[in-house]
């Protein structure tokens, strides 16, 4: 299992701090996950814990039961419109919701190198606007993200070791940050 997958497993166990956090996490997730057409979104997931978290959030928060076939999830028709109507508004209300948005973005399109290699965390956003929103939220927490374009995607990234450890800690309420720091200590 990759280091990113380990971090995502931990993030999937993170509790929501307020009722609005679940919707904020979904908004972050869909800013980075899946492929949109005019009336549906499709995405693949190999991580069972993540699939369960997203499917449960969709159903409990929005009443959406998505089509799920082993590793592929499809949300179409009225459910697609309902999803994007709900997450396109101002869902990032409180500070805890901003962290949930960042966590959702990482779960949807994020990766992080193990700290025994190069220091790098990134979020692959679907649009420039999604990348800008994520970058602005990260900056509110004094992170210094950069934005680039790679393979038709807009990527938000951070390469500073201390910021990566802090960011992972924020996303997981401290749990995954400890994993990052323990690997980093072994490296040194």
C-alpha atoms as a PDB file:
ATOM      1  CA  UNK A   1       0.000   0.000   0.000  1.00  0.00           C
ATOM      2  CA  UNK A   2       1.389   3.399  -0.962  1.00  0.00           C
ATOM      3  CA  UNK A   3       2.018   6.118   1.598  1.00  0.00           C
ATOM      4  CA  UNK A   4      -0.794   8.217   0.029  1.00  0.00           C
ATOM      5  CA  UNK A   5      -3.177   5.278   0.429  1.00  0.00           C
ATOM      6  CA  UNK A   6      -2.160   4.890   4.072  1.00  0.00           C
ATOM      7  CA  UNK A   7      -2.867   8.563   4.708  1.00  0.00           C
ATOM      8  CA  UNK A   8      -6.239   8.309   2.927  1.00  0.00           C
ATOM      9  CA  UNK A   9      -7.156   5.306   5.105  1.00  0.00           C
ATOM     10  CA  UNK A  10      -6.487   7.411   8.197  1.00  0.00           C
ATOM     11  CA  UNK A  11      -8.387  10.388   6.762  1.00  0.00           C
ATOM     12  CA  UNK A  12     -11.416   8.162   6.131  1.00  0.00           C
ATOM     13  CA  UNK A  13     -11.601   7.546   9.890  1.00  0.00           C
ATOM     14  CA  UNK A  14     -11.557  11.256  10.740  1.00  0.00           C
ATOM     15  CA  UNK A  15     -14.731  12.457  12.429  1.00  0.00           C
ATOM     16  CA  UNK A  16     -16.632  15.518  11.234  1.00  0.00           C
ATOM     17  CA  UNK A  17     -16.414  18.430  13.632  1.00  0.00           C
ATOM     18  CA  UNK A  18     -19.778  19.974  12.768  1.00  0.00           C
ATOM     19  CA  UNK A  19     -22.791  18.992  10.652  1.00  0.00           C
ATOM     20  CA  UNK A  20     -21.670  21.270   7.779  1.00  0.00           C
ATOM     21  CA  UNK A  21     -18.257  19.575   7.508  1.00  0.00           C
ATOM     22  CA  UNK A  22     -19.635  16.559   5.630  1.00  0.00           C
ATOM     23  CA  UNK A  23     -20.969  18.758   2.818  1.00  0.00           C
ATOM     24  CA  UNK A  24     -17.716  20.761   2.731  1.00  0.00           C
ATOM     25  CA  UNK A  25     -15.745  17.514   2.416  1.00  0.00           C
ATOM     26  CA  UNK A  26     -17.983  16.405  -0.468  1.00  0.00           C
ATOM     27  CA  UNK A  27     -17.427  19.774  -2.171  1.00  0.00           C
ATOM     28  CA  UNK A  28     -13.653  19.362  -1.879  1.00  0.00           C
ATOM     29  CA  UNK A  29     -13.858  15.775  -3.067  1.00  0.00           C
ATOM     30  CA  UNK A  30     -15.834  16.624  -6.204  1.00  0.00           C
ATOM     31  CA  UNK A  31     -13.559  19.591  -6.967  1.00  0.00           C
ATOM     32  CA  UNK A  32     -10.817  17.016  -7.533  1.00  0.00           C
ATOM     33  CA  UNK A  33     -12.484  13.667  -8.294  1.00  0.00           C
ATOM     34  CA  UNK A  34     -14.218  12.196 -11.258  1.00  0.00           C
ATOM     35  CA  UNK A  35     -15.008  13.100 -14.814  1.00  0.00           C
ATOM     36  CA  UNK A  36     -17.995  15.302 -15.515  1.00  0.00           C
ATOM     37  CA  UNK A  37     -20.146  15.196 -18.602  1.00  0.00           C
ATOM     38  CA  UNK A  38     -23.194  17.383 -19.116  1.00  0.00           C
ATOM     39  CA  UNK A  39     -25.413  15.311 -16.824  1.00  0.00           C
ATOM     40  CA  UNK A  40     -23.286  12.916 -14.772  1.00  0.00           C
ATOM     41  CA  UNK A  41     -20.062  12.443 -12.884  1.00  0.00           C
ATOM     42  CA  UNK A  42     -18.086   9.175 -12.881  1.00  0.00           C
ATOM     43  CA  UNK A  43     -15.152   8.206 -10.758  1.00  0.00           C
ATOM     44  CA  UNK A  44     -13.236   5.078  -9.870  1.00  0.00           C
ATOM     45  CA  UNK A  45     -12.099   4.125  -6.417  1.00  0.00           C
ATOM     46  CA  UNK A  46      -9.886   1.265  -5.346  1.00  0.00           C
ATOM     47  CA  UNK A  47      -9.970   2.253  -1.676  1.00  0.00           C
ATOM     48  CA  UNK A  48     -12.926   0.554   0.054  1.00  0.00           C
ATOM     49  CA  UNK A  49     -12.918   2.871   3.081  1.00  0.00           C
ATOM     50  CA  UNK A  50     -13.024   5.915   0.811  1.00  0.00           C
ATOM     51  CA  UNK A  51     -15.842   4.459  -1.310  1.00  0.00           C
ATOM     52  CA  UNK A  52     -17.877   3.806   1.821  1.00  0.00           C
ATOM     53  CA  UNK A  53     -17.209   7.281   3.222  1.00  0.00           C
ATOM     54  CA  UNK A  54     -18.274   9.056   0.024  1.00  0.00           C
ATOM     55  CA  UNK A  55     -21.304   6.822  -0.590  1.00  0.00           C
ATOM     56  CA  UNK A  56     -22.438   7.245   3.047  1.00  0.00           C
ATOM     57  CA  UNK A  57     -21.966  11.010   2.894  1.00  0.00           C
ATOM     58  CA  UNK A  58     -23.899  11.279  -0.357  1.00  0.00           C
ATOM     59  CA  UNK A  59     -26.790   9.294   1.058  1.00  0.00           C
ATOM     60  CA  UNK A  60     -26.944  10.780   4.555  1.00  0.00           C
ATOM     61  CA  UNK A  61     -26.236  14.397   3.600  1.00  0.00           C
ATOM     62  CA  UNK A  62     -28.023  14.672   0.251  1.00  0.00           C
ATOM     63  CA  UNK A  63     -30.235  11.603  -0.026  1.00  0.00           C
ATOM     64  CA  UNK A  64     -28.328  10.501  -3.132  1.00  0.00           C
ATOM     65  CA  UNK A  65     -27.914   6.799  -3.751  1.00  0.00           C
ATOM     66  CA  UNK A  66     -25.187   6.510  -6.382  1.00  0.00           C
ATOM     67  CA  UNK A  67     -24.743   3.649  -8.814  1.00  0.00           C
ATOM     68  CA  UNK A  68     -21.848   1.590  -7.534  1.00  0.00           C
ATOM     69  CA  UNK A  69     -20.203  -1.246  -9.440  1.00  0.00           C
ATOM     70  CA  UNK A  70     -17.189  -2.641  -7.579  1.00  0.00           C
ATOM     71  CA  UNK A  71     -14.786   0.242  -8.212  1.00  0.00           C
ATOM     72  CA  UNK A  72     -16.818   2.709 -10.262  1.00  0.00           C
ATOM     73  CA  UNK A  73     -19.373   5.193  -8.973  1.00  0.00           C
ATOM     74  CA  UNK A  74     -21.770   7.062 -11.259  1.00  0.00           C
ATOM     75  CA  UNK A  75     -24.042   9.921 -10.250  1.00  0.00           C
ATOM     76  CA  UNK A  76     -26.380  11.006 -13.002  1.00  0.00           C
ATOM     77  CA  UNK A  77     -29.676  12.661 -13.853  1.00  0.00           C
ATOM     78  CA  UNK A  78     -31.485  14.490 -11.059  1.00  0.00           C
ATOM     79  CA  UNK A  79     -28.938  13.276  -8.501  1.00  0.00           C
ATOM     80  CA  UNK A  80     -26.144  14.942 -10.490  1.00  0.00           C
ATOM     81  CA  UNK A  81     -27.999  18.247 -10.546  1.00  0.00           C
ATOM     82  CA  UNK A  82     -28.859  17.964  -6.852  1.00  0.00           C
ATOM     83  CA  UNK A  83     -25.227  17.223  -5.961  1.00  0.00           C
ATOM     84  CA  UNK A  84     -23.841  20.208  -7.826  1.00  0.00           C
ATOM     85  CA  UNK A  85     -26.604  22.526  -6.621  1.00  0.00           C
ATOM     86  CA  UNK A  86     -25.715  21.615  -3.034  1.00  0.00           C
ATOM     87  CA  UNK A  87     -21.917  21.794  -3.288  1.00  0.00           C
ATOM     88  CA  UNK A  88     -21.672  24.842  -5.549  1.00  0.00           C
ATOM     89  CA  UNK A  89     -22.954  27.235  -2.887  1.00  0.00           C
ATOM     90  CA  UNK A  90     -21.101  28.553   0.126  1.00  0.00           C
ATOM     91  CA  UNK A  91     -20.475  25.245   1.919  1.00  0.00           C
ATOM     92  CA  UNK A  92     -17.172  26.204   3.505  1.00  0.00           C
ATOM     93  CA  UNK A  93     -18.644  28.107   6.424  1.00  0.00           C
ATOM     94  CA  UNK A  94     -16.491  27.512   9.494  1.00  0.00           C
ATOM     95  CA  UNK A  95     -12.795  26.873  10.001  1.00  0.00           C
ATOM     96  CA  UNK A  96     -13.501  23.174  10.572  1.00  0.00           C
ATOM     97  CA  UNK A  97     -15.401  23.121   7.246  1.00  0.00           C
ATOM     98  CA  UNK A  98     -12.374  24.577   5.472  1.00  0.00           C
ATOM     99  CA  UNK A  99     -10.260  21.743   6.828  1.00  0.00           C
ATOM    100  CA  UNK A 100     -12.953  19.257   5.733  1.00  0.00           C
ATOM    101  CA  UNK A 101     -12.873  20.809   2.235  1.00  0.00           C
ATOM    102  CA  UNK A 102      -9.090  20.357   2.080  1.00  0.00           C
ATOM    103  CA  UNK A 103      -9.445  16.763   3.327  1.00  0.00           C
ATOM    104  CA  UNK A 104     -12.101  16.067   0.670  1.00  0.00           C
ATOM    105  CA  UNK A 105      -9.870  17.521  -2.046  1.00  0.00           C
ATOM    106  CA  UNK A 106      -7.020  15.264  -0.925  1.00  0.00           C
ATOM    107  CA  UNK A 107      -9.304  12.221  -0.831  1.00  0.00           C
ATOM    108  CA  UNK A 108     -10.573  13.050  -4.317  1.00  0.00           C
ATOM    109  CA  UNK A 109      -7.369  13.940  -6.106  1.00  0.00           C
ATOM    110  CA  UNK A 110      -4.477  14.165  -3.698  1.00  0.00           C
ATOM    111  CA  UNK A 111      -1.201  12.378  -3.250  1.00  0.00           C
ATOM    112  CA  UNK A 112       1.750  12.729  -0.939  1.00  0.00           C
ATOM    113  CA  UNK A 113       5.236  11.282  -1.187  1.00  0.00           C
ATOM    114  CA  UNK A 114       6.472   9.270   1.749  1.00  0.00           C
ATOM    115  CA  UNK A 115       8.793  11.511   3.756  1.00  0.00           C
ATOM    116  CA  UNK A 116      11.665   9.076   3.257  1.00  0.00           C
ATOM    117  CA  UNK A 117      11.706  10.329  -0.355  1.00  0.00           C
ATOM    118  CA  UNK A 118      11.206  13.872  -1.680  1.00  0.00           C
ATOM    119  CA  UNK A 119       8.792  16.133   0.181  1.00  0.00           C
ATOM    120  CA  UNK A 120       5.743  16.722  -2.005  1.00  0.00           C
ATOM    121  CA  UNK A 121       1.974  16.879  -1.557  1.00  0.00           C
ATOM    122  CA  UNK A 122      -0.389  17.718  -4.380  1.00  0.00           C
ATOM    123  CA  UNK A 123      -4.057  18.038  -5.250  1.00  0.00           C
ATOM    124  CA  UNK A 124      -5.161  17.512  -8.848  1.00  0.00           C
ATOM    125  CA  UNK A 125      -8.139  19.843  -9.357  1.00  0.00           C
ATOM    126  CA  UNK A 126     -10.647  19.519 -12.181  1.00  0.00           C
ATOM    127  CA  UNK A 127     -10.629  23.219 -13.105  1.00  0.00           C
ATOM    128  CA  UNK A 128      -8.529  26.323 -12.614  1.00  0.00           C
ATOM    129  CA  UNK A 129     -11.339  27.764 -10.468  1.00  0.00           C
ATOM    130  CA  UNK A 130     -11.312  24.689  -8.203  1.00  0.00           C
ATOM    131  CA  UNK A 131      -7.523  24.959  -7.852  1.00  0.00           C
ATOM    132  CA  UNK A 132      -7.804  28.652  -7.011  1.00  0.00           C
ATOM    133  CA  UNK A 133     -10.457  28.000  -4.362  1.00  0.00           C
ATOM    134  CA  UNK A 134      -8.341  25.276  -2.763  1.00  0.00           C
ATOM    135  CA  UNK A 135      -5.223  27.437  -2.896  1.00  0.00           C
ATOM    136  CA  UNK A 136      -7.041  30.337  -1.229  1.00  0.00           C
ATOM    137  CA  UNK A 137      -8.323  28.089   1.565  1.00  0.00           C
ATOM    138  CA  UNK A 138      -4.810  26.701   2.116  1.00  0.00           C
ATOM    139  CA  UNK A 139      -3.433  30.246   2.277  1.00  0.00           C
ATOM    140  CA  UNK A 140      -5.959  31.099   5.024  1.00  0.00           C
ATOM    141  CA  UNK A 141      -4.096  28.553   7.182  1.00  0.00           C
ATOM    142  CA  UNK A 142      -0.728  30.137   6.258  1.00  0.00           C
ATOM    143  CA  UNK A 143       0.257  27.401   3.814  1.00  0.00           C
ATOM    144  CA  UNK A 144       2.115  28.518   0.716  1.00  0.00           C
ATOM    145  CA  UNK A 145       0.746  26.438  -2.161  1.00  0.00           C
ATOM    146  CA  UNK A 146       1.805  26.779  -5.753  1.00  0.00           C
ATOM    147  CA  UNK A 147      -0.285  26.047  -8.841  1.00  0.00           C
ATOM    148  CA  UNK A 148       0.872  24.435 -12.078  1.00  0.00           C
ATOM    149  CA  UNK A 149      -0.650  22.637 -15.057  1.00  0.00           C
ATOM    150  CA  UNK A 150       0.244  19.052 -15.846  1.00  0.00           C
ATOM    151  CA  UNK A 151      -1.406  16.604 -18.268  1.00  0.00           C
ATOM    152  CA  UNK A 152      -4.512  18.726 -18.711  1.00  0.00           C
ATOM    153  CA  UNK A 153      -5.043  19.130 -14.950  1.00  0.00           C
ATOM    154  CA  UNK A 154      -4.479  22.033 -12.641  1.00  0.00           C
ATOM    155  CA  UNK A 155      -2.301  20.943  -9.736  1.00  0.00           C
ATOM    156  CA  UNK A 156      -1.970  22.643  -6.362  1.00  0.00           C
ATOM    157  CA  UNK A 157       1.171  21.551  -4.526  1.00  0.00           C
ATOM    158  CA  UNK A 158       3.414  22.162  -1.531  1.00  0.00           C
ATOM    159  CA  UNK A 159       7.014  20.971  -1.240  1.00  0.00           C
ATOM    160  CA  UNK A 160       8.048  22.243   2.198  1.00  0.00           C
ATOM    161  CA  UNK A 161       8.474  19.443   4.753  1.00  0.00           C
ATOM    162  CA  UNK A 162       7.088  21.280   7.789  1.00  0.00           C
ATOM    163  CA  UNK A 163       4.048  22.537   5.879  1.00  0.00           C
ATOM    164  CA  UNK A 164       3.268  19.060   4.566  1.00  0.00           C
ATOM    165  CA  UNK A 165       3.408  17.542   8.052  1.00  0.00           C
ATOM    166  CA  UNK A 166       1.207  20.331   9.418  1.00  0.00           C
ATOM    167  CA  UNK A 167      -1.276  20.031   6.556  1.00  0.00           C
ATOM    168  CA  UNK A 168      -1.603  16.267   6.978  1.00  0.00           C
ATOM    169  CA  UNK A 169      -2.109  16.829  10.687  1.00  0.00           C
ATOM    170  CA  UNK A 170      -4.859  19.403  10.034  1.00  0.00           C
ATOM    171  CA  UNK A 171      -6.700  17.108   7.634  1.00  0.00           C
ATOM    172  CA  UNK A 172      -6.726  14.200  10.109  1.00  0.00           C
ATOM    173  CA  UNK A 173      -7.090  16.057  13.420  1.00  0.00           C
ATOM    174  CA  UNK A 174      -3.479  15.106  14.149  1.00  0.00           C
ATOM    175  CA  UNK A 175      -3.594  11.359  13.478  1.00  0.00           C
ATOM    176  CA  UNK A 176      -2.013  11.182  10.009  1.00  0.00           C
ATOM    177  CA  UNK A 177       0.475  13.920  10.837  1.00  0.00           C
ATOM    178  CA  UNK A 178       2.040  11.565  13.369  1.00  0.00           C
ATOM    179  CA  UNK A 179       2.459   8.918  10.648  1.00  0.00           C
ATOM    180  CA  UNK A 180       4.254  11.461   8.439  1.00  0.00           C
ATOM    181  CA  UNK A 181       6.494  12.596  11.287  1.00  0.00           C
ATOM    182  CA  UNK A 182       7.438   9.050  12.330  1.00  0.00           C
ATOM    183  CA  UNK A 183       8.577   8.175   8.777  1.00  0.00           C
ATOM    184  CA  UNK A 184      10.416  11.509   8.615  1.00  0.00           C
ATOM    185  CA  UNK A 185      12.248  10.770  11.883  1.00  0.00           C
ATOM    186  CA  UNK A 186      13.287   7.352  10.547  1.00  0.00           C
ATOM    187  CA  UNK A 187      14.672   9.033   7.425  1.00  0.00           C
ATOM    188  CA  UNK A 188      16.771  11.455   9.444  1.00  0.00           C
END
